[in-house]
């Protein structure tokens, strides 16, 4: 009896189902990476999406707004018009160049469809809000450059941080408002593309002569 029970027991006790192994790559989440080869320009024709005329006009309008505020902030913190004017002069030279490169890069990414490709690959909703994302990227790199420049000039860490805080807190609102204004009112600047399609000819009035038809009685 004991021997028979020992033989039959393993057959009656239900076996524990082992964990099913996932199929090849079925259970693993594939990382979403953006292929740089699909973002970078492949030919000179891709650079037409930069829209140079629009970028130049936006650079000028933004610099006109920012230069006065930049000098006012520098003068309030430093109290010396000469040093404040020197810092504003540096921003007046380097700021437009940085803005032009940043704006041209964004025009290229949006116009060529590279940014939409990156949005589908990354799956981030913030990529659909171009003005907000442009504000974040512009202010991030701009603050680093601005703080470095201020520190080289004033040679004081606290003063450089205070000067940079002016642009760090106020700058995003100015940039974001500037972008929204251009999206609403400046859509036609530099966006007109020559069309080779012939214009439709205007036709005169069409006269239809209808003869009366006798109805059977």
N, C-alpha and C. Protein backbone atom coordinates (compact mmCIF):
# COMPACT_ATOMS: atom_id res chain seq x y z
N UNK A 1 0.82 -1.20 0.00
CA UNK A 1 0.00 0.00 0.00
C UNK A 1 0.86 1.25 0.00
N UNK A 2 1.88 1.29 0.86
CA UNK A 2 2.75 2.48 0.93
C UNK A 2 3.46 2.67 -0.39
N UNK A 3 3.94 1.53 -0.98
CA UNK A 3 4.64 1.63 -2.25
C UNK A 3 3.74 2.12 -3.36
N UNK A 4 2.47 1.62 -3.37
CA UNK A 4 1.54 2.07 -4.41
C UNK A 4 1.21 3.53 -4.25
N UNK A 5 1.06 3.99 -2.99
CA UNK A 5 0.77 5.40 -2.76
C UNK A 5 1.92 6.28 -3.20
N UNK A 6 3.13 5.79 -2.97
CA UNK A 6 4.31 6.57 -3.37
C UNK A 6 4.40 6.68 -4.87
N UNK A 7 3.90 5.64 -5.59
CA UNK A 7 3.96 5.68 -7.05
C UNK A 7 2.85 6.55 -7.62
N UNK A 8 1.63 6.45 -6.99
CA UNK A 8 0.48 7.17 -7.53
C UNK A 8 0.43 8.64 -7.10
N UNK A 9 1.09 9.02 -5.99
CA UNK A 9 0.99 10.38 -5.45
C UNK A 9 1.47 11.43 -6.44
N UNK A 10 2.65 11.26 -7.07
CA UNK A 10 3.08 12.30 -8.02
C UNK A 10 2.13 12.48 -9.18
N UNK A 11 1.38 11.41 -9.55
CA UNK A 11 0.45 11.54 -10.67
C UNK A 11 -0.83 12.26 -10.29
N UNK A 12 -1.23 12.17 -8.99
CA UNK A 12 -2.47 12.80 -8.54
C UNK A 12 -2.27 14.25 -8.15
N UNK A 13 -1.09 14.62 -7.64
CA UNK A 13 -0.83 16.00 -7.23
C UNK A 13 -0.63 16.85 -8.48
N UNK A 14 -1.38 17.94 -8.63
CA UNK A 14 -1.22 18.77 -9.84
C UNK A 14 0.14 19.44 -9.86
N UNK A 15 0.71 19.40 -11.00
CA UNK A 15 2.03 20.02 -11.16
C UNK A 15 1.88 21.54 -11.29
N UNK A 16 2.86 22.25 -10.78
CA UNK A 16 2.86 23.71 -10.89
C UNK A 16 3.25 24.11 -12.30
N UNK A 17 2.38 24.89 -12.86
CA UNK A 17 2.65 25.32 -14.24
C UNK A 17 3.82 26.28 -14.24
N UNK A 18 4.78 25.96 -15.05
CA UNK A 18 5.94 26.84 -15.15
C UNK A 18 5.57 28.11 -15.89
N UNK A 19 6.36 29.14 -15.65
CA UNK A 19 6.12 30.43 -16.29
C UNK A 19 6.41 30.32 -17.78
N UNK A 20 5.43 30.73 -18.54
CA UNK A 20 5.60 30.68 -19.99
C UNK A 20 6.62 31.72 -20.42
N UNK A 21 7.52 31.26 -21.21
CA UNK A 21 8.53 32.18 -21.69
C UNK A 21 7.95 33.02 -22.81
N UNK A 22 8.19 34.30 -22.75
CA UNK A 22 7.64 35.17 -23.81
C UNK A 22 8.31 34.87 -25.13
N UNK A 23 7.58 35.13 -26.16
CA UNK A 23 8.15 34.94 -27.49
C UNK A 23 9.31 35.89 -27.69
N UNK A 24 10.00 35.67 -28.79
CA UNK A 24 11.20 36.47 -29.05
C UNK A 24 10.84 37.95 -29.15
N UNK A 25 11.21 38.69 -28.09
CA UNK A 25 10.98 40.13 -28.07
C UNK A 25 9.56 40.54 -27.83
N UNK A 26 8.63 39.56 -27.45
CA UNK A 26 7.23 39.92 -27.27
C UNK A 26 7.00 40.66 -25.97
N UNK A 27 7.70 40.27 -24.91
CA UNK A 27 7.47 40.89 -23.61
C UNK A 27 8.38 42.05 -23.31
N UNK A 28 9.26 42.36 -24.20
CA UNK A 28 10.20 43.45 -23.96
C UNK A 28 9.73 44.69 -24.69
N UNK A 29 9.71 45.81 -23.96
CA UNK A 29 9.33 47.08 -24.58
C UNK A 29 10.51 47.62 -25.36
N UNK A 30 10.26 47.87 -26.60
CA UNK A 30 11.33 48.39 -27.44
C UNK A 30 11.55 49.87 -27.15
N UNK A 31 12.78 50.26 -26.87
CA UNK A 31 13.02 51.68 -26.61
C UNK A 31 12.79 52.51 -27.85
N UNK A 32 12.18 53.67 -27.64
CA UNK A 32 11.88 54.57 -28.77
C UNK A 32 13.01 55.58 -28.90
N UNK A 33 13.87 55.35 -29.84
CA UNK A 33 14.98 56.25 -30.11
C UNK A 33 14.73 56.96 -31.42
N UNK A 34 15.21 58.19 -31.51
CA UNK A 34 15.09 58.96 -32.73
C UNK A 34 16.36 58.77 -33.54
N UNK A 35 16.19 58.29 -34.75
CA UNK A 35 17.33 58.08 -35.62
C UNK A 35 17.83 59.42 -36.14
N UNK A 36 19.07 59.76 -35.83
CA UNK A 36 19.61 61.05 -36.25
C UNK A 36 19.73 61.16 -37.77
N UNK A 37 19.91 60.03 -38.43
CA UNK A 37 20.02 60.08 -39.89
C UNK A 37 18.73 60.53 -40.55
N UNK A 38 17.59 60.35 -39.86
CA UNK A 38 16.32 60.79 -40.41
C UNK A 38 16.01 62.24 -40.05
N UNK A 39 16.82 62.84 -39.18
CA UNK A 39 16.61 64.22 -38.76
C UNK A 39 17.53 65.18 -39.48
N UNK A 40 18.78 64.79 -39.68
CA UNK A 40 19.76 65.66 -40.32
C UNK A 40 19.43 65.84 -41.80
N UNK A 41 19.78 66.99 -42.38
CA UNK A 41 19.51 67.20 -43.81
C UNK A 41 20.35 66.28 -44.67
N UNK A 42 19.74 65.79 -45.75
CA UNK A 42 20.43 64.89 -46.66
C UNK A 42 21.01 65.61 -47.86
N UNK A 43 20.48 66.79 -48.17
CA UNK A 43 20.96 67.55 -49.32
C UNK A 43 20.75 69.03 -49.05
N UNK A 44 21.30 69.86 -49.94
CA UNK A 44 21.16 71.30 -49.78
C UNK A 44 19.72 71.75 -49.98
N UNK A 45 18.95 70.98 -50.71
CA UNK A 45 17.55 71.35 -50.93
C UNK A 45 16.74 71.31 -49.63
N UNK A 46 17.18 70.50 -48.67
CA UNK A 46 16.47 70.45 -47.39
C UNK A 46 16.60 71.74 -46.61
N UNK A 47 17.65 72.52 -46.89
CA UNK A 47 17.86 73.76 -46.15
C UNK A 47 16.89 74.86 -46.55
N UNK A 48 16.09 74.64 -47.59
CA UNK A 48 15.09 75.63 -47.96
C UNK A 48 14.02 75.76 -46.89
N UNK A 49 13.90 74.74 -46.03
CA UNK A 49 12.90 74.79 -44.97
C UNK A 49 13.30 75.74 -43.85
N UNK A 50 14.53 76.24 -43.87
CA UNK A 50 14.98 77.16 -42.82
C UNK A 50 14.20 78.47 -42.90
N UNK A 51 13.77 78.87 -44.12
CA UNK A 51 12.98 80.10 -44.31
C UNK A 51 13.74 81.29 -43.77
N UNK A 52 14.79 81.67 -44.49
CA UNK A 52 15.74 82.68 -44.02
C UNK A 52 15.07 84.04 -43.83
N UNK A 53 14.21 84.45 -44.76
CA UNK A 53 13.61 85.78 -44.64
C UNK A 53 12.75 85.89 -43.38
N UNK A 54 11.95 84.88 -43.11
CA UNK A 54 11.13 84.89 -41.90
C UNK A 54 12.00 84.86 -40.65
N UNK A 55 13.07 84.08 -40.68
CA UNK A 55 13.96 83.99 -39.53
C UNK A 55 14.64 85.31 -39.24
N UNK A 56 15.05 86.02 -40.29
CA UNK A 56 15.71 87.32 -40.10
C UNK A 56 14.75 88.33 -39.48
N UNK A 57 13.52 88.38 -39.96
CA UNK A 57 12.55 89.34 -39.43
C UNK A 57 12.21 89.01 -37.98
N UNK A 58 12.05 87.75 -37.66
CA UNK A 58 11.76 87.37 -36.28
C UNK A 58 12.94 87.70 -35.36
N UNK A 59 14.15 87.53 -35.86
CA UNK A 59 15.33 87.87 -35.07
C UNK A 59 15.36 89.35 -34.74
N UNK A 60 15.03 90.19 -35.73
CA UNK A 60 15.05 91.63 -35.51
C UNK A 60 13.98 92.05 -34.51
N UNK A 61 12.76 91.56 -34.68
CA UNK A 61 11.68 91.96 -33.78
C UNK A 61 11.94 91.49 -32.34
N UNK A 62 12.48 90.30 -32.19
CA UNK A 62 12.76 89.81 -30.84
C UNK A 62 13.89 90.60 -30.20
N UNK A 63 14.92 90.95 -30.96
CA UNK A 63 16.04 91.68 -30.41
C UNK A 63 15.66 93.10 -30.02
N UNK A 64 14.75 93.72 -30.79
CA UNK A 64 14.28 95.05 -30.44
C UNK A 64 13.57 95.04 -29.08
N UNK A 65 12.79 94.01 -28.83
CA UNK A 65 12.07 93.91 -27.56
C UNK A 65 13.03 93.62 -26.41
N UNK A 66 13.98 92.73 -26.63
CA UNK A 66 14.80 92.23 -25.54
C UNK A 66 15.91 93.20 -25.15
N UNK A 67 16.45 93.96 -26.09
CA UNK A 67 17.62 94.79 -25.81
C UNK A 67 17.33 95.83 -24.72
N UNK A 68 16.20 96.51 -24.83
CA UNK A 68 15.86 97.50 -23.81
C UNK A 68 15.67 96.87 -22.44
N UNK A 69 14.98 95.74 -22.36
CA UNK A 69 14.79 95.06 -21.08
C UNK A 69 16.10 94.52 -20.53
N UNK A 70 16.97 94.08 -21.43
CA UNK A 70 18.26 93.55 -20.99
C UNK A 70 19.10 94.64 -20.35
N UNK A 71 19.14 95.80 -20.97
CA UNK A 71 19.92 96.91 -20.39
C UNK A 71 19.32 97.38 -19.07
N UNK A 72 17.99 97.44 -19.00
CA UNK A 72 17.34 97.86 -17.76
C UNK A 72 17.65 96.90 -16.61
N UNK A 73 17.60 95.59 -16.90
CA UNK A 73 17.92 94.62 -15.85
C UNK A 73 19.37 94.70 -15.41
N UNK A 74 20.28 94.86 -16.35
CA UNK A 74 21.70 94.97 -15.99
C UNK A 74 21.97 96.23 -15.16
N UNK A 75 21.32 97.32 -15.51
CA UNK A 75 21.55 98.57 -14.78
C UNK A 75 20.96 98.51 -13.38
N UNK A 76 19.80 97.86 -13.22
CA UNK A 76 19.19 97.75 -11.89
C UNK A 76 20.08 96.91 -10.97
N UNK A 77 20.66 95.84 -11.48
CA UNK A 77 21.49 94.96 -10.65
C UNK A 77 22.85 95.57 -10.37
N UNK A 78 23.51 96.12 -11.39
CA UNK A 78 24.87 96.62 -11.25
C UNK A 78 24.93 98.05 -10.74
N UNK A 79 24.00 98.88 -11.19
CA UNK A 79 24.04 100.28 -10.80
C UNK A 79 25.10 101.08 -11.54
N UNK A 80 25.74 100.49 -12.52
CA UNK A 80 26.77 101.17 -13.30
C UNK A 80 26.35 101.14 -14.77
N UNK A 81 26.11 102.27 -15.37
CA UNK A 81 25.65 102.29 -16.76
C UNK A 81 26.70 101.77 -17.74
N UNK A 82 27.98 101.96 -17.42
CA UNK A 82 29.02 101.52 -18.35
C UNK A 82 29.06 100.01 -18.46
N UNK A 83 29.11 99.34 -17.29
CA UNK A 83 29.14 97.87 -17.30
C UNK A 83 27.84 97.30 -17.86
N UNK A 84 26.72 97.91 -17.49
CA UNK A 84 25.43 97.44 -18.00
C UNK A 84 25.36 97.59 -19.51
N UNK A 85 25.90 98.69 -20.02
CA UNK A 85 25.91 98.90 -21.46
C UNK A 85 26.84 97.90 -22.16
N UNK A 86 27.96 97.56 -21.50
CA UNK A 86 28.88 96.57 -22.08
C UNK A 86 28.25 95.20 -22.18
N UNK A 87 27.55 94.79 -21.13
CA UNK A 87 26.87 93.49 -21.17
C UNK A 87 25.76 93.49 -22.22
N UNK A 88 25.03 94.58 -22.33
CA UNK A 88 23.97 94.65 -23.34
C UNK A 88 24.55 94.64 -24.75
N UNK A 89 25.76 95.24 -24.91
CA UNK A 89 26.39 95.23 -26.23
C UNK A 89 26.80 93.81 -26.63
N UNK A 90 27.26 93.03 -25.65
CA UNK A 90 27.61 91.63 -25.94
C UNK A 90 26.37 90.85 -26.36
N UNK A 91 25.27 91.07 -25.64
CA UNK A 91 24.02 90.39 -25.99
C UNK A 91 23.50 90.87 -27.33
N UNK A 92 23.75 92.13 -27.66
CA UNK A 92 23.28 92.67 -28.92
C UNK A 92 23.99 92.04 -30.10
N UNK A 93 25.23 91.58 -29.89
CA UNK A 93 25.99 90.94 -30.96
C UNK A 93 25.74 89.42 -30.98
N UNK A 94 25.86 88.78 -29.82
CA UNK A 94 25.72 87.33 -29.76
C UNK A 94 24.29 86.85 -29.73
N UNK A 95 23.38 87.65 -29.16
CA UNK A 95 21.99 87.23 -29.04
C UNK A 95 21.30 86.98 -30.37
N UNK A 96 21.39 87.92 -31.34
CA UNK A 96 20.75 87.66 -32.63
C UNK A 96 21.29 86.44 -33.36
N UNK A 97 22.61 86.21 -33.23
CA UNK A 97 23.20 85.03 -33.88
C UNK A 97 22.64 83.75 -33.28
N UNK A 98 22.55 83.71 -31.95
CA UNK A 98 22.00 82.53 -31.29
C UNK A 98 20.53 82.34 -31.64
N UNK A 99 19.76 83.45 -31.66
CA UNK A 99 18.35 83.35 -32.00
C UNK A 99 18.17 82.87 -33.44
N UNK A 100 18.98 83.38 -34.35
CA UNK A 100 18.86 83.00 -35.76
C UNK A 100 19.14 81.50 -35.94
N UNK A 101 20.18 80.99 -35.29
CA UNK A 101 20.50 79.57 -35.40
C UNK A 101 19.38 78.72 -34.80
N UNK A 102 18.89 79.12 -33.64
CA UNK A 102 17.82 78.37 -32.98
C UNK A 102 16.55 78.39 -33.81
N UNK A 103 16.17 79.56 -34.33
CA UNK A 103 14.95 79.67 -35.12
C UNK A 103 15.08 78.94 -36.45
N UNK A 104 16.23 79.05 -37.10
CA UNK A 104 16.44 78.35 -38.36
C UNK A 104 16.39 76.84 -38.19
N UNK A 105 16.94 76.35 -37.09
CA UNK A 105 16.89 74.91 -36.81
C UNK A 105 15.46 74.44 -36.63
N UNK A 106 14.67 75.20 -35.91
CA UNK A 106 13.27 74.82 -35.70
C UNK A 106 12.48 74.88 -36.99
N UNK A 107 12.71 75.90 -37.81
CA UNK A 107 12.01 75.99 -39.09
C UNK A 107 12.34 74.79 -39.97
N UNK A 108 13.59 74.37 -39.92
CA UNK A 108 13.99 73.21 -40.72
C UNK A 108 13.31 71.94 -40.20
N UNK A 109 13.30 71.74 -38.89
CA UNK A 109 12.70 70.52 -38.33
C UNK A 109 11.21 70.44 -38.60
N UNK A 110 10.52 71.58 -38.48
CA UNK A 110 9.08 71.58 -38.70
C UNK A 110 8.75 71.52 -40.19
N UNK A 111 9.45 72.32 -41.01
CA UNK A 111 9.15 72.37 -42.43
C UNK A 111 9.46 71.09 -43.17
N UNK A 112 10.53 70.41 -42.77
CA UNK A 112 10.90 69.17 -43.43
C UNK A 112 10.19 67.94 -42.88
N UNK A 113 9.42 68.12 -41.80
CA UNK A 113 8.71 66.99 -41.20
C UNK A 113 9.54 66.17 -40.25
N UNK A 114 10.77 66.59 -39.96
CA UNK A 114 11.62 65.82 -39.05
C UNK A 114 11.07 65.84 -37.63
N UNK A 115 10.49 66.97 -37.22
CA UNK A 115 9.97 67.06 -35.86
C UNK A 115 8.75 66.16 -35.68
N UNK A 116 7.89 66.06 -36.69
CA UNK A 116 6.75 65.14 -36.62
C UNK A 116 7.22 63.70 -36.52
N UNK A 117 8.30 63.39 -37.24
CA UNK A 117 8.87 62.04 -37.17
C UNK A 117 9.38 61.75 -35.77
N UNK A 118 10.05 62.73 -35.17
CA UNK A 118 10.53 62.56 -33.81
C UNK A 118 9.41 62.45 -32.81
N UNK A 119 8.30 63.15 -33.06
CA UNK A 119 7.15 63.08 -32.17
C UNK A 119 6.52 61.70 -32.20
N UNK A 120 6.41 61.13 -33.40
CA UNK A 120 5.84 59.78 -33.48
C UNK A 120 6.76 58.75 -32.86
N UNK A 121 8.08 58.96 -32.99
CA UNK A 121 9.01 57.99 -32.43
C UNK A 121 9.08 58.09 -30.92
N UNK A 122 9.04 59.31 -30.39
CA UNK A 122 9.18 59.49 -28.95
C UNK A 122 7.88 59.31 -28.20
N UNK A 123 6.76 59.69 -28.80
CA UNK A 123 5.48 59.54 -28.14
C UNK A 123 5.23 60.54 -27.05
N UNK A 124 5.88 61.72 -27.10
CA UNK A 124 5.69 62.74 -26.08
C UNK A 124 4.74 63.81 -26.59
N UNK A 125 3.71 64.11 -25.81
CA UNK A 125 2.72 65.08 -26.24
C UNK A 125 3.28 66.49 -26.29
N UNK A 126 4.32 66.76 -25.51
CA UNK A 126 4.88 68.11 -25.47
C UNK A 126 5.50 68.50 -26.80
N UNK A 127 5.86 67.50 -27.62
CA UNK A 127 6.44 67.82 -28.91
C UNK A 127 5.43 68.46 -29.85
N UNK A 128 4.15 68.33 -29.56
CA UNK A 128 3.14 68.93 -30.41
C UNK A 128 2.95 70.41 -30.12
N UNK A 129 3.40 70.88 -28.97
CA UNK A 129 3.30 72.30 -28.61
C UNK A 129 4.63 72.97 -28.96
N UNK A 130 4.73 73.42 -30.21
CA UNK A 130 5.99 73.96 -30.68
C UNK A 130 6.43 75.24 -29.96
N UNK A 131 5.53 76.22 -29.72
CA UNK A 131 5.98 77.42 -29.00
C UNK A 131 6.52 77.13 -27.62
N UNK A 132 5.88 76.23 -26.89
CA UNK A 132 6.35 75.90 -25.55
C UNK A 132 7.68 75.18 -25.60
N UNK A 133 7.81 74.23 -26.51
CA UNK A 133 9.06 73.49 -26.60
C UNK A 133 10.20 74.38 -27.08
N UNK A 134 9.90 75.31 -27.99
CA UNK A 134 10.91 76.26 -28.44
C UNK A 134 11.35 77.16 -27.30
N UNK A 135 10.41 77.56 -26.45
CA UNK A 135 10.75 78.39 -25.30
C UNK A 135 11.68 77.66 -24.35
N UNK A 136 11.42 76.38 -24.12
CA UNK A 136 12.25 75.60 -23.19
C UNK A 136 13.66 75.44 -23.74
N UNK A 137 13.78 75.07 -25.01
CA UNK A 137 15.11 74.86 -25.58
C UNK A 137 15.88 76.18 -25.69
N UNK A 138 15.21 77.25 -26.09
CA UNK A 138 15.88 78.54 -26.22
C UNK A 138 16.36 79.05 -24.87
N UNK A 139 15.50 78.96 -23.87
CA UNK A 139 15.86 79.51 -22.57
C UNK A 139 16.91 78.65 -21.87
N UNK A 140 16.90 77.35 -22.09
CA UNK A 140 17.88 76.47 -21.44
C UNK A 140 19.30 76.81 -21.91
N UNK A 141 19.52 76.79 -23.22
CA UNK A 141 20.84 77.10 -23.73
C UNK A 141 21.18 78.59 -23.55
N UNK A 142 20.16 79.46 -23.66
CA UNK A 142 20.42 80.88 -23.49
C UNK A 142 20.86 81.23 -22.08
N UNK A 143 20.29 80.58 -21.08
CA UNK A 143 20.67 80.85 -19.69
C UNK A 143 22.11 80.42 -19.42
N UNK A 144 22.50 79.29 -19.98
CA UNK A 144 23.88 78.82 -19.79
C UNK A 144 24.87 79.80 -20.39
N UNK A 145 24.59 80.22 -21.62
CA UNK A 145 25.49 81.17 -22.29
C UNK A 145 25.49 82.52 -21.58
N UNK A 146 24.32 82.95 -21.14
CA UNK A 146 24.21 84.25 -20.48
C UNK A 146 24.94 84.26 -19.14
N UNK A 147 24.78 83.20 -18.37
CA UNK A 147 25.47 83.13 -17.08
C UNK A 147 26.99 83.09 -17.26
N UNK A 148 27.45 82.34 -18.24
CA UNK A 148 28.90 82.28 -18.49
C UNK A 148 29.45 83.64 -18.89
N UNK A 149 28.72 84.35 -19.76
CA UNK A 149 29.16 85.68 -20.18
C UNK A 149 29.17 86.66 -19.02
N UNK A 150 28.14 86.64 -18.21
CA UNK A 150 28.08 87.54 -17.06
C UNK A 150 29.20 87.27 -16.07
N UNK A 151 29.49 86.01 -15.86
CA UNK A 151 30.55 85.68 -14.90
C UNK A 151 31.92 86.11 -15.41
N UNK A 152 32.15 85.98 -16.70
CA UNK A 152 33.44 86.41 -17.26
C UNK A 152 33.61 87.92 -17.13
N UNK A 153 32.53 88.66 -17.25
CA UNK A 153 32.62 90.13 -17.19
C UNK A 153 32.70 90.63 -15.76
N UNK A 154 31.82 90.19 -14.87
CA UNK A 154 31.76 90.74 -13.51
C UNK A 154 32.67 90.02 -12.54
N UNK A 155 33.09 88.78 -12.86
CA UNK A 155 34.00 88.01 -12.02
C UNK A 155 33.44 87.79 -10.61
N UNK A 156 32.12 87.66 -10.52
CA UNK A 156 31.49 87.39 -9.23
C UNK A 156 30.33 86.44 -9.46
N UNK A 157 30.33 85.32 -8.72
CA UNK A 157 29.35 84.27 -8.95
C UNK A 157 27.93 84.73 -8.61
N UNK A 158 27.78 85.40 -7.46
CA UNK A 158 26.45 85.83 -7.03
C UNK A 158 25.87 86.88 -7.98
N UNK A 159 26.72 87.83 -8.38
CA UNK A 159 26.24 88.88 -9.28
C UNK A 159 25.88 88.31 -10.64
N UNK A 160 26.68 87.36 -11.12
CA UNK A 160 26.39 86.73 -12.41
C UNK A 160 25.08 85.95 -12.35
N UNK A 161 24.86 85.27 -11.23
CA UNK A 161 23.60 84.53 -11.08
C UNK A 161 22.41 85.48 -11.01
N UNK A 162 22.59 86.63 -10.34
CA UNK A 162 21.51 87.61 -10.24
C UNK A 162 21.20 88.22 -11.60
N UNK A 163 22.22 88.51 -12.37
CA UNK A 163 22.00 89.05 -13.70
C UNK A 163 21.31 88.03 -14.61
N UNK A 164 21.68 86.78 -14.48
CA UNK A 164 21.07 85.73 -15.32
C UNK A 164 19.65 85.42 -14.89
N UNK A 165 19.34 85.63 -13.61
CA UNK A 165 17.98 85.34 -13.14
C UNK A 165 16.96 86.27 -13.78
N UNK A 166 17.40 87.47 -14.15
CA UNK A 166 16.49 88.41 -14.82
C UNK A 166 15.95 87.80 -16.12
N UNK A 167 16.84 87.25 -16.92
CA UNK A 167 16.42 86.62 -18.16
C UNK A 167 15.79 85.25 -17.95
N UNK A 168 16.19 84.57 -16.87
CA UNK A 168 15.67 83.22 -16.62
C UNK A 168 14.20 83.24 -16.25
N UNK A 169 13.78 84.23 -15.47
CA UNK A 169 12.39 84.29 -15.03
C UNK A 169 11.51 85.12 -15.98
N UNK A 170 12.05 86.19 -16.52
CA UNK A 170 11.25 87.04 -17.39
C UNK A 170 11.34 86.63 -18.86
N UNK A 171 12.49 86.09 -19.25
CA UNK A 171 12.72 85.73 -20.65
C UNK A 171 11.74 84.75 -21.25
N UNK A 172 11.36 83.67 -20.54
CA UNK A 172 10.42 82.72 -21.14
C UNK A 172 9.08 83.33 -21.50
N UNK A 173 8.58 84.27 -20.69
CA UNK A 173 7.30 84.89 -20.99
C UNK A 173 7.41 85.77 -22.24
N UNK A 174 8.54 86.47 -22.37
CA UNK A 174 8.74 87.32 -23.56
C UNK A 174 8.85 86.45 -24.80
N UNK A 175 9.65 85.40 -24.72
CA UNK A 175 9.85 84.54 -25.89
C UNK A 175 8.55 83.83 -26.27
N UNK A 176 7.85 83.31 -25.29
CA UNK A 176 6.61 82.58 -25.58
C UNK A 176 5.55 83.51 -26.16
N UNK A 177 5.42 84.72 -25.61
CA UNK A 177 4.48 85.68 -26.16
C UNK A 177 4.86 86.10 -27.57
N UNK A 178 6.15 86.24 -27.83
CA UNK A 178 6.64 86.58 -29.17
C UNK A 178 6.29 85.47 -30.16
N UNK A 179 6.43 84.23 -29.75
CA UNK A 179 6.10 83.10 -30.63
C UNK A 179 4.60 83.03 -30.92
N UNK A 180 3.79 83.25 -29.90
CA UNK A 180 2.34 83.21 -30.11
C UNK A 180 1.90 84.34 -31.04
N UNK A 181 2.51 85.52 -30.87
CA UNK A 181 2.16 86.64 -31.75
C UNK A 181 2.54 86.35 -33.20
N UNK A 182 3.68 85.71 -33.41
CA UNK A 182 4.10 85.38 -34.77
C UNK A 182 3.25 84.28 -35.37
N UNK A 183 2.81 83.33 -34.55
CA UNK A 183 1.94 82.28 -35.07
C UNK A 183 0.59 82.84 -35.52
N UNK A 184 0.15 83.91 -34.87
CA UNK A 184 -1.17 84.46 -35.19
C UNK A 184 -1.12 85.52 -36.29
N UNK A 185 -0.10 86.40 -36.22
CA UNK A 185 -0.07 87.54 -37.14
C UNK A 185 1.02 87.46 -38.20
N UNK A 186 2.03 86.63 -38.00
CA UNK A 186 3.15 86.63 -38.93
C UNK A 186 3.25 85.38 -39.76
N UNK A 187 2.14 84.71 -40.01
CA UNK A 187 2.19 83.45 -40.76
C UNK A 187 2.54 83.66 -42.22
N UNK A 188 2.30 84.87 -42.75
CA UNK A 188 2.55 85.11 -44.17
C UNK A 188 3.97 85.60 -44.45
N UNK A 189 4.72 85.97 -43.42
CA UNK A 189 6.05 86.51 -43.63
C UNK A 189 7.01 85.39 -43.96
N UNK A 190 7.59 85.42 -45.14
CA UNK A 190 8.57 84.42 -45.54
C UNK A 190 7.99 83.06 -45.81
N UNK A 191 6.66 82.94 -45.86
CA UNK A 191 6.05 81.63 -46.09
C UNK A 191 5.48 81.49 -47.48
N UNK A 192 5.48 82.58 -48.25
CA UNK A 192 4.92 82.50 -49.60
C UNK A 192 5.89 81.77 -50.50
N UNK A 193 5.43 80.74 -51.15
CA UNK A 193 6.26 79.95 -52.04
C UNK A 193 5.80 80.18 -53.48
N UNK A 194 6.74 80.41 -54.40
CA UNK A 194 6.33 80.63 -55.79
C UNK A 194 5.65 79.40 -56.36
N UNK A 195 4.61 79.63 -57.08
CA UNK A 195 3.86 78.52 -57.68
C UNK A 195 3.98 78.58 -59.18
N UNK A 196 4.28 77.44 -59.80
CA UNK A 196 4.40 77.36 -61.25
C UNK A 196 3.09 77.02 -61.94
N UNK A 197 2.04 76.86 -61.16
CA UNK A 197 0.77 76.49 -61.75
C UNK A 197 0.15 77.72 -62.41
N UNK A 198 -0.35 77.59 -63.64
CA UNK A 198 -0.98 78.74 -64.29
C UNK A 198 -2.26 79.13 -63.59
N UNK A 199 -2.48 80.43 -63.54
CA UNK A 199 -3.69 80.91 -62.92
C UNK A 199 -4.90 80.61 -63.80
N UNK A 200 -5.99 80.23 -63.22
CA UNK A 200 -7.18 79.95 -64.04
C UNK A 200 -7.71 81.23 -64.68
N UNK A 201 -8.09 81.13 -65.93
CA UNK A 201 -8.61 82.27 -66.66
C UNK A 201 -10.06 82.55 -66.23
N UNK A 202 -10.31 83.85 -66.13
CA UNK A 202 -11.67 84.24 -65.77
C UNK A 202 -12.60 84.06 -66.97
N UNK A 203 -13.67 83.44 -66.73
CA UNK A 203 -14.63 83.19 -67.78
C UNK A 203 -15.79 84.17 -67.67
N UNK A 204 -16.31 84.52 -68.83
CA UNK A 204 -17.46 85.41 -68.86
C UNK A 204 -18.72 84.67 -68.50
N UNK A 205 -19.80 85.40 -68.48
CA UNK A 205 -21.08 84.75 -68.14
C UNK A 205 -21.49 83.74 -69.20
N UNK A 206 -22.03 82.65 -68.77
CA UNK A 206 -22.48 81.58 -69.66
C UNK A 206 -23.96 81.76 -69.92
N UNK A 207 -24.31 81.85 -71.21
CA UNK A 207 -25.70 82.03 -71.61
C UNK A 207 -26.21 80.70 -72.17
N UNK A 208 -27.26 80.21 -71.61
CA UNK A 208 -27.86 78.95 -72.04
C UNK A 208 -29.17 79.25 -72.75
N UNK A 209 -29.22 78.88 -74.01
CA UNK A 209 -30.43 79.12 -74.81
C UNK A 209 -31.30 77.86 -74.76
N UNK A 210 -32.44 77.99 -74.16
CA UNK A 210 -33.37 76.86 -74.01
C UNK A 210 -34.58 77.11 -74.87
N UNK A 211 -34.84 76.19 -75.78
CA UNK A 211 -36.01 76.31 -76.63
C UNK A 211 -37.21 75.74 -75.93
N UNK A 212 -38.34 76.40 -76.08
CA UNK A 212 -39.54 75.87 -75.42
C UNK A 212 -40.00 74.56 -76.06
N UNK A 213 -40.45 73.68 -75.27
CA UNK A 213 -40.90 72.38 -75.72
C UNK A 213 -42.42 72.31 -75.52
N UNK A 214 -43.09 71.96 -76.56
CA UNK A 214 -44.56 71.86 -76.48
C UNK A 214 -44.96 70.60 -75.73
N UNK A 215 -45.74 70.78 -74.74
CA UNK A 215 -46.20 69.67 -73.96
C UNK A 215 -47.45 69.06 -74.61
N UNK A 216 -47.53 67.76 -74.70
CA UNK A 216 -48.71 67.12 -75.30
C UNK A 216 -49.95 67.36 -74.45
N UNK A 217 -51.08 67.61 -75.11
CA UNK A 217 -52.34 67.84 -74.39
C UNK A 217 -53.16 66.57 -74.34
